[in-house]
Protein backbone atom coordinates (compact mmCIF):
# COMPACT_ATOMS: atom_id res chain seq x y z
CA MET A 1 -18.62 9.18 15.45
CA ARG A 2 -19.35 10.10 11.84
CA VAL A 3 -16.37 9.65 9.60
CA GLU A 4 -16.49 10.70 5.89
CA ALA A 5 -13.91 8.98 3.38
CA THR A 6 -13.76 8.98 -0.74
CA ILE A 7 -12.88 5.58 -1.80
CA PRO A 8 -12.86 4.27 -5.20
CA LYS A 9 -16.24 3.17 -6.57
CA SER A 10 -15.58 -0.47 -7.19
CA ARG A 11 -14.68 -0.95 -3.28
CA GLY A 12 -17.88 1.09 -2.64
CA SER A 13 -19.54 -1.14 -4.58
CA ALA A 14 -17.66 -4.49 -2.99
CA ILE A 15 -18.91 -2.65 0.47
CA ALA A 16 -22.45 -2.41 -0.63
CA GLU A 17 -22.46 -5.89 -1.70
CA LEU A 18 -20.94 -7.74 1.17
CA ALA A 19 -23.20 -5.85 3.15
CA GLU A 20 -26.31 -7.03 1.93
CA GLU A 21 -24.69 -10.56 1.62
CA LEU A 22 -23.72 -10.24 5.55
CA GLY A 23 -26.69 -8.51 6.48
CA LEU A 24 -24.64 -5.95 7.82
CA SER A 25 -24.72 -2.00 7.41
CA ARG A 26 -22.25 -0.60 5.52
CA SER A 27 -20.84 1.01 8.56
CA GLN A 28 -20.51 -1.92 10.56
CA ILE A 29 -18.65 -3.09 7.34
CA VAL A 30 -16.08 -0.35 7.92
CA ASP A 31 -15.96 -0.89 11.70
CA GLU A 32 -14.72 -4.53 10.77
CA ALA A 33 -11.96 -3.10 8.37
CA LEU A 34 -10.92 -0.73 10.28
CA ALA A 35 -10.69 -3.02 13.57
CA LEU A 36 -8.52 -5.44 11.40
CA PHE A 37 -6.44 -2.68 9.89
CA LEU A 38 -5.59 -1.78 13.43
CA LYS A 39 -4.47 -4.68 14.72
CA ALA A 40 -2.54 -5.32 11.80
CA VAL A 41 -0.58 -2.06 12.32
CA LEU A 42 -0.63 -3.12 16.19
CA GLU A 43 1.28 -6.49 15.21
CA ALA A 44 3.25 -5.11 12.61
CA ARG A 45 4.85 -2.69 15.27
CA ARG A 46 5.47 -5.51 17.14
CA GLY A 47 7.38 -6.96 13.84
CA ARG A 48 4.76 -9.33 13.43
CA ARG A 49 3.36 -9.74 9.79
CA LEU A 50 -0.42 -10.48 8.63
CA VAL A 51 -1.06 -13.98 7.17
CA MET A 52 -4.19 -15.83 5.61
CA VAL A 53 -3.39 -19.55 6.55
CA GLY A 54 -5.51 -22.46 4.59
CA PRO A 55 -7.39 -25.45 6.43
CA GLY A 56 -4.64 -27.98 8.21
CA THR A 57 -1.21 -27.05 6.94
CA SER A 58 -1.82 -26.27 3.19
CA GLY A 59 0.03 -23.18 3.15
CA SER A 60 -0.60 -19.36 4.04
CA CYS A 61 -0.69 -16.15 1.98
CA GLU A 62 0.67 -12.62 3.35
CA ILE A 63 -1.53 -10.04 3.47
CA ALA A 64 0.33 -6.54 2.67
CA THR A 65 -0.58 -2.83 2.29
CA PRO A 66 1.61 0.08 1.43
CA THR A 67 1.11 0.93 4.90
CA LEU A 68 2.09 -2.03 6.58
CA SER A 69 4.72 -2.34 4.43
CA ALA A 70 6.02 0.83 5.41
CA LEU A 71 5.80 -0.16 9.21
CA GLU A 72 7.82 -2.86 8.29
CA TRP A 73 10.26 -1.13 7.16
CA ALA A 74 10.70 1.42 9.49
CA ALA A 75 10.61 -0.85 12.37
CA ARG A 76 14.05 -2.99 10.71
CA PRO A 77 16.37 0.29 9.60
CA GLN A 78 19.54 -0.69 7.80
CA ILE A 79 22.39 1.18 7.36
CA VAL A 80 23.39 1.54 3.38
CA GLU A 81 27.17 1.87 2.68
CA MET A 82 28.16 3.19 -0.74
CA ALA A 83 31.29 3.88 -2.31
CA VAL A 84 32.05 7.54 -2.68
CA GLU A 85 32.03 7.41 -6.20
CA SER A 86 28.29 6.17 -6.45
CA VAL A 87 27.35 9.02 -4.12
CA SER A 88 29.01 11.65 -6.03
CA HIS A 89 27.21 10.12 -9.51
CA MET A 90 23.80 10.22 -7.45
CA ASP A 91 24.48 13.67 -6.61
CA ALA A 92 25.43 14.75 -10.24
CA LEU A 93 22.22 13.28 -11.47
CA VAL A 94 19.89 15.14 -8.63
CA ARG A 95 21.57 18.33 -9.69
CA LYS A 96 21.56 17.72 -13.10
CA PRO A 97 19.04 15.38 -14.27
CA ARG A 98 18.77 14.13 -18.31
CA LYS A 99 16.61 15.41 -20.62
CA PRO A 100 13.52 12.74 -20.90
CA ASN A 101 13.45 10.86 -23.84
CA ALA A 102 10.45 10.04 -26.40
CA ARG A 103 9.67 6.33 -24.08
CA LEU A 104 9.48 8.90 -20.53
CA ARG A 105 7.54 11.15 -22.07
CA ALA A 106 5.25 8.53 -23.76
CA ALA A 107 4.83 7.00 -19.91
CA ALA A 108 4.38 10.13 -18.77
CA LYS A 109 1.51 11.24 -21.17
CA ARG A 110 -0.12 7.42 -20.15
CA HIS A 111 0.24 7.93 -16.54
CA ALA A 112 -1.67 11.19 -16.93
CA LEU A 113 -4.15 10.23 -19.03
CA GLY A 114 -5.16 7.31 -17.07
CA ARG A 115 -5.41 9.46 -13.57
CA ARG A 116 -8.11 11.40 -15.67
CA ALA A 117 -10.62 8.08 -16.32
């Protein structure tokens, strides 16, 4: 099956470098990555986390992605209790948001400029 994807240039370069280093095709690299991600999603649905463990018992590092984090949160729903006054205050803010101040406008401008680059 042929699959097309748009990825950041830096990640595309990393795929090409890794393929050359390992003597694999880019398709093989993507297939390996998909296999690992599919396994990670399966285990996240079982309530497990993806962790890299160092040699011996010297430490570990959790690997998280936005998708894996979302699956983790969805697997453990919790009830949020709020005071009636807080809910009313939030409702009022949604219905009539405050006008953006200079800091917010500057942040929005920086964000927009960063997306064009």
